[in-house]
């Protein structure tokens, strides 16, 4: 039954605590786990270590357990949305987004290098095929070449014998 409800209503959640986390994440337009990361940071005043991240992820996503600090944080976000005092575009909510970090722009350099390698391979293939191909006289299969059409010259004696036999 819950499968059908999920198909009909994708944001349907049986667990009300997880539904609270999901609605708070939808309000600030981030993922549920990002909301858990923000809640952890606000509660403990430091980021999650890798071990804690694994434990929280497993507990929330697999076991369906919602930590108490996450429930309080999600309720705070929902209450702020109801009151109209939340700025969903504030950088605090998007501090764990990939797009918010500044990366060195090496895209053009990588594109030029990749394009140069591809062009060099293509040019090398053309040169190699030019020197390895033999002169052909046929464009379509079976691809005969001039060696197949070489006419063997007959000796004058054979010509004379053939002409005498024919006449």
C-alpha atoms as a PDB file:
ATOM      1  CA  UNK A   1       0.000   0.000   0.000  1.00  0.00           C
ATOM      2  CA  UNK A   2       2.815   2.463   0.834  1.00  0.00           C
ATOM      3  CA  UNK A   3       4.401   1.731  -2.561  1.00  0.00           C
ATOM      4  CA  UNK A   4       1.268   2.915  -4.339  1.00  0.00           C
ATOM      5  CA  UNK A   5       1.052   5.995  -2.125  1.00  0.00           C
ATOM      6  CA  UNK A   6       4.676   6.809  -2.910  1.00  0.00           C
ATOM      7  CA  UNK A   7       3.993   6.480  -6.638  1.00  0.00           C
ATOM      8  CA  UNK A   8       0.950   8.732  -6.411  1.00  0.00           C
ATOM      9  CA  UNK A   9       2.515  11.199  -3.984  1.00  0.00           C
ATOM     10  CA  UNK A  10       6.353  11.145  -4.217  1.00  0.00           C
ATOM     11  CA  UNK A  11       6.882  13.216  -1.062  1.00  0.00           C
ATOM     12  CA  UNK A  12       4.753  10.815   1.011  1.00  0.00           C
ATOM     13  CA  UNK A  13       6.500   9.565   4.145  1.00  0.00           C
ATOM     14  CA  UNK A  14       5.042   7.131   6.694  1.00  0.00           C
ATOM     15  CA  UNK A  15       7.366   8.207   9.496  1.00  0.00           C
ATOM     16  CA  UNK A  16       6.278  11.693  10.720  1.00  0.00           C
ATOM     17  CA  UNK A  17       9.788  12.495  11.965  1.00  0.00           C
ATOM     18  CA  UNK A  18      11.280  11.792   8.531  1.00  0.00           C
ATOM     19  CA  UNK A  19       8.428  13.758   6.964  1.00  0.00           C
ATOM     20  CA  UNK A  20       9.428  16.730   9.132  1.00  0.00           C
ATOM     21  CA  UNK A  21      13.038  16.460   7.930  1.00  0.00           C
ATOM     22  CA  UNK A  22      11.859  16.170   4.325  1.00  0.00           C
ATOM     23  CA  UNK A  23       9.565  19.182   4.539  1.00  0.00           C
ATOM     24  CA  UNK A  24      12.285  21.301   6.189  1.00  0.00           C
ATOM     25  CA  UNK A  25      14.741  20.262   3.457  1.00  0.00           C
ATOM     26  CA  UNK A  26      12.171  21.166   0.805  1.00  0.00           C
ATOM     27  CA  UNK A  27      11.639  24.571   2.402  1.00  0.00           C
ATOM     28  CA  UNK A  28      15.308  25.519   2.174  1.00  0.00           C
ATOM     29  CA  UNK A  29      15.693  23.602  -1.127  1.00  0.00           C
ATOM     30  CA  UNK A  30      18.472  21.242  -0.084  1.00  0.00           C
ATOM     31  CA  UNK A  31      18.761  17.507   0.353  1.00  0.00           C
ATOM     32  CA  UNK A  32      17.674  15.744   3.521  1.00  0.00           C
ATOM     33  CA  UNK A  33      21.190  14.699   4.405  1.00  0.00           C
ATOM     34  CA  UNK A  34      22.438  18.251   3.911  1.00  0.00           C
ATOM     35  CA  UNK A  35      19.805  19.327   6.411  1.00  0.00           C
ATOM     36  CA  UNK A  36      21.148  16.702   8.819  1.00  0.00           C
ATOM     37  CA  UNK A  37      24.656  18.102   8.301  1.00  0.00           C
ATOM     38  CA  UNK A  38      23.428  21.620   9.094  1.00  0.00           C
ATOM     39  CA  UNK A  39      21.548  20.387  12.158  1.00  0.00           C
ATOM     40  CA  UNK A  40      24.633  18.559  13.419  1.00  0.00           C
ATOM     41  CA  UNK A  41      26.769  21.652  12.901  1.00  0.00           C
ATOM     42  CA  UNK A  42      24.317  23.850  14.753  1.00  0.00           C
ATOM     43  CA  UNK A  43      23.947  21.380  17.653  1.00  0.00           C
ATOM     44  CA  UNK A  44      27.620  20.404  18.112  1.00  0.00           C
ATOM     45  CA  UNK A  45      29.304  23.496  16.570  1.00  0.00           C
ATOM     46  CA  UNK A  46      31.584  21.460  14.254  1.00  0.00           C
ATOM     47  CA  UNK A  47      31.227  19.401  11.086  1.00  0.00           C
ATOM     48  CA  UNK A  48      30.611  15.669  11.137  1.00  0.00           C
ATOM     49  CA  UNK A  49      33.650  13.435  10.940  1.00  0.00           C
ATOM     50  CA  UNK A  50      33.646  10.610   8.408  1.00  0.00           C
ATOM     51  CA  UNK A  51      32.754   8.007  11.044  1.00  0.00           C
ATOM     52  CA  UNK A  52      29.839  10.042  12.371  1.00  0.00           C
ATOM     53  CA  UNK A  53      28.675  10.789   8.828  1.00  0.00           C
ATOM     54  CA  UNK A  54      28.552   7.063   8.087  1.00  0.00           C
ATOM     55  CA  UNK A  55      26.653   6.313  11.311  1.00  0.00           C
ATOM     56  CA  UNK A  56      24.130   9.144  10.820  1.00  0.00           C
ATOM     57  CA  UNK A  57      23.607   8.256   7.174  1.00  0.00           C
ATOM     58  CA  UNK A  58      23.016   4.589   7.977  1.00  0.00           C
ATOM     59  CA  UNK A  59      20.725   5.366  10.896  1.00  0.00           C
ATOM     60  CA  UNK A  60      18.651   7.861   8.905  1.00  0.00           C
ATOM     61  CA  UNK A  61      18.549   6.371   5.425  1.00  0.00           C
ATOM     62  CA  UNK A  62      18.559   2.656   6.224  1.00  0.00           C
ATOM     63  CA  UNK A  63      17.072   2.312   9.698  1.00  0.00           C
ATOM     64  CA  UNK A  64      14.748   5.338   9.514  1.00  0.00           C
ATOM     65  CA  UNK A  65      15.954   6.811  12.822  1.00  0.00           C
ATOM     66  CA  UNK A  66      15.930  10.591  13.158  1.00  0.00           C
ATOM     67  CA  UNK A  67      18.310  12.112  15.742  1.00  0.00           C
ATOM     68  CA  UNK A  68      16.769  14.456  18.315  1.00  0.00           C
ATOM     69  CA  UNK A  69      18.955  17.376  17.254  1.00  0.00           C
ATOM     70  CA  UNK A  70      17.767  16.965  13.654  1.00  0.00           C
ATOM     71  CA  UNK A  71      14.107  17.020  14.704  1.00  0.00           C
ATOM     72  CA  UNK A  72      14.626  20.237  16.680  1.00  0.00           C
ATOM     73  CA  UNK A  73      16.474  21.895  13.818  1.00  0.00           C
ATOM     74  CA  UNK A  74      13.848  20.839  11.255  1.00  0.00           C
ATOM     75  CA  UNK A  75      11.060  22.143  13.469  1.00  0.00           C
ATOM     76  CA  UNK A  76      12.928  25.424  13.804  1.00  0.00           C
ATOM     77  CA  UNK A  77      13.137  25.720   9.992  1.00  0.00           C
ATOM     78  CA  UNK A  78       9.439  24.904   9.551  1.00  0.00           C
ATOM     79  CA  UNK A  79       8.457  27.429  12.243  1.00  0.00           C
ATOM     80  CA  UNK A  80      10.620  30.119  10.630  1.00  0.00           C
ATOM     81  CA  UNK A  81       8.965  29.399   7.278  1.00  0.00           C
ATOM     82  CA  UNK A  82       5.486  29.698   8.790  1.00  0.00           C
ATOM     83  CA  UNK A  83       6.506  32.989  10.407  1.00  0.00           C
ATOM     84  CA  UNK A  84       8.030  34.174   7.113  1.00  0.00           C
ATOM     85  CA  UNK A  85      11.401  34.963   8.657  1.00  0.00           C
ATOM     86  CA  UNK A  86      13.552  32.516   6.710  1.00  0.00           C
ATOM     87  CA  UNK A  87      15.801  33.429   3.788  1.00  0.00           C
ATOM     88  CA  UNK A  88      16.121  30.226   1.772  1.00  0.00           C
ATOM     89  CA  UNK A  89      18.881  31.728  -0.383  1.00  0.00           C
ATOM     90  CA  UNK A  90      21.157  32.469   2.567  1.00  0.00           C
ATOM     91  CA  UNK A  91      24.579  30.913   2.068  1.00  0.00           C
ATOM     92  CA  UNK A  92      24.350  29.173   5.448  1.00  0.00           C
ATOM     93  CA  UNK A  93      21.781  26.736   4.084  1.00  0.00           C
ATOM     94  CA  UNK A  94      23.845  26.045   0.987  1.00  0.00           C
ATOM     95  CA  UNK A  95      27.276  25.718   2.573  1.00  0.00           C
ATOM     96  CA  UNK A  96      27.391  21.985   1.738  1.00  0.00           C
ATOM     97  CA  UNK A  97      26.305  22.453  -1.892  1.00  0.00           C
ATOM     98  CA  UNK A  98      28.870  21.559  -4.524  1.00  0.00           C
ATOM     99  CA  UNK A  99      28.107  24.686  -6.564  1.00  0.00           C
ATOM    100  CA  UNK A 100      28.849  27.066  -3.715  1.00  0.00           C
ATOM    101  CA  UNK A 101      32.552  26.185  -3.542  1.00  0.00           C
ATOM    102  CA  UNK A 102      35.063  27.982  -5.721  1.00  0.00           C
ATOM    103  CA  UNK A 103      37.028  25.671  -7.950  1.00  0.00           C
ATOM    104  CA  UNK A 104      39.983  26.582 -10.106  1.00  0.00           C
ATOM    105  CA  UNK A 105      38.727  26.937 -13.641  1.00  0.00           C
ATOM    106  CA  UNK A 106      40.885  24.523 -15.621  1.00  0.00           C
ATOM    107  CA  UNK A 107      38.116  23.569 -18.004  1.00  0.00           C
ATOM    108  CA  UNK A 108      39.459  25.502 -20.985  1.00  0.00           C
ATOM    109  CA  UNK A 109      42.966  24.143 -20.550  1.00  0.00           C
ATOM    110  CA  UNK A 110      41.675  20.569 -20.236  1.00  0.00           C
ATOM    111  CA  UNK A 111      39.490  21.074 -23.306  1.00  0.00           C
ATOM    112  CA  UNK A 112      42.438  22.338 -25.367  1.00  0.00           C
ATOM    113  CA  UNK A 113      44.627  19.431 -24.256  1.00  0.00           C
ATOM    114  CA  UNK A 114      41.936  16.842 -25.001  1.00  0.00           C
ATOM    115  CA  UNK A 115      41.146  18.426 -28.372  1.00  0.00           C
ATOM    116  CA  UNK A 116      44.844  18.493 -29.280  1.00  0.00           C
ATOM    117  CA  UNK A 117      45.265  14.822 -28.414  1.00  0.00           C
ATOM    118  CA  UNK A 118      42.210  13.864 -30.471  1.00  0.00           C
ATOM    119  CA  UNK A 119      43.367  15.999 -33.431  1.00  0.00           C
ATOM    120  CA  UNK A 120      46.882  14.484 -33.264  1.00  0.00           C
ATOM    121  CA  UNK A 121      45.465  10.948 -33.211  1.00  0.00           C
ATOM    122  CA  UNK A 122      43.194  11.750 -36.148  1.00  0.00           C
ATOM    123  CA  UNK A 123      46.026  13.333 -38.160  1.00  0.00           C
ATOM    124  CA  UNK A 124      48.347  10.424 -37.361  1.00  0.00           C
ATOM    125  CA  UNK A 125      45.700   7.975 -38.522  1.00  0.00           C
ATOM    126  CA  UNK A 126      45.258   9.871 -41.782  1.00  0.00           C
ATOM    127  CA  UNK A 127      49.005   9.944 -42.465  1.00  0.00           C
ATOM    128  CA  UNK A 128      49.378   6.268 -41.583  1.00  0.00           C
ATOM    129  CA  UNK A 129      46.456   5.262 -43.796  1.00  0.00           C
ATOM    130  CA  UNK A 130      47.793   7.367 -46.669  1.00  0.00           C
ATOM    131  CA  UNK A 131      51.189   5.652 -46.653  1.00  0.00           C
ATOM    132  CA  UNK A 132      49.891   2.152 -45.993  1.00  0.00           C
ATOM    133  CA  UNK A 133      47.192   2.153 -48.673  1.00  0.00           C
ATOM    134  CA  UNK A 134      48.067   0.846 -52.116  1.00  0.00           C
ATOM    135  CA  UNK A 135      46.810   2.253 -55.319  1.00  0.00           C
ATOM    136  CA  UNK A 136      43.434   0.783 -55.972  1.00  0.00           C
ATOM    137  CA  UNK A 137      41.433   0.908 -59.145  1.00  0.00           C
ATOM    138  CA  UNK A 138      38.079   0.055 -57.633  1.00  0.00           C
ATOM    139  CA  UNK A 139      36.084   2.088 -55.154  1.00  0.00           C
ATOM    140  CA  UNK A 140      33.565  -0.618 -54.303  1.00  0.00           C
ATOM    141  CA  UNK A 141      34.210  -4.125 -53.045  1.00  0.00           C
ATOM    142  CA  UNK A 142      35.916  -6.490 -53.862  1.00  0.00           C
ATOM    143  CA  UNK A 143      38.562  -3.719 -54.054  1.00  0.00           C
ATOM    144  CA  UNK A 144      40.689  -4.899 -56.918  1.00  0.00           C
ATOM    145  CA  UNK A 145      43.986  -3.203 -57.425  1.00  0.00           C
ATOM    146  CA  UNK A 146      46.213  -2.864 -60.487  1.00  0.00           C
ATOM    147  CA  UNK A 147      48.036  -6.089 -59.731  1.00  0.00           C
ATOM    148  CA  UNK A 148      44.850  -8.013 -60.458  1.00  0.00           C
ATOM    149  CA  UNK A 149      44.554  -6.413 -63.902  1.00  0.00           C
ATOM    150  CA  UNK A 150      48.142  -6.642 -65.096  1.00  0.00           C
ATOM    151  CA  UNK A 151      48.103  -8.068 -68.595  1.00  0.00           C
ATOM    152  CA  UNK A 152      50.861 -10.492 -69.162  1.00  0.00           C
ATOM    153  CA  UNK A 153      52.613  -9.900 -72.438  1.00  0.00           C
ATOM    154  CA  UNK A 154      52.814 -12.922 -74.633  1.00  0.00           C
ATOM    155  CA  UNK A 155      55.861 -13.733 -76.655  1.00  0.00           C
ATOM    156  CA  UNK A 156      55.796 -13.193 -80.439  1.00  0.00           C
ATOM    157  CA  UNK A 157      56.084 -16.938 -80.968  1.00  0.00           C
ATOM    158  CA  UNK A 158      52.922 -17.583 -78.965  1.00  0.00           C
ATOM    159  CA  UNK A 159      51.163 -14.831 -80.891  1.00  0.00           C
ATOM    160  CA  UNK A 160      52.131 -16.458 -84.151  1.00  0.00           C
ATOM    161  CA  UNK A 161      51.035 -19.907 -83.023  1.00  0.00           C
ATOM    162  CA  UNK A 162      47.723 -18.589 -81.710  1.00  0.00           C
ATOM    163  CA  UNK A 163      47.095 -16.666 -84.935  1.00  0.00           C
ATOM    164  CA  UNK A 164      47.870 -19.721 -87.078  1.00  0.00           C
ATOM    165  CA  UNK A 165      45.563 -21.924 -85.071  1.00  0.00           C
ATOM    166  CA  UNK A 166      42.715 -19.489 -85.323  1.00  0.00           C
ATOM    167  CA  UNK A 167      43.020 -19.021 -89.118  1.00  0.00           C
END
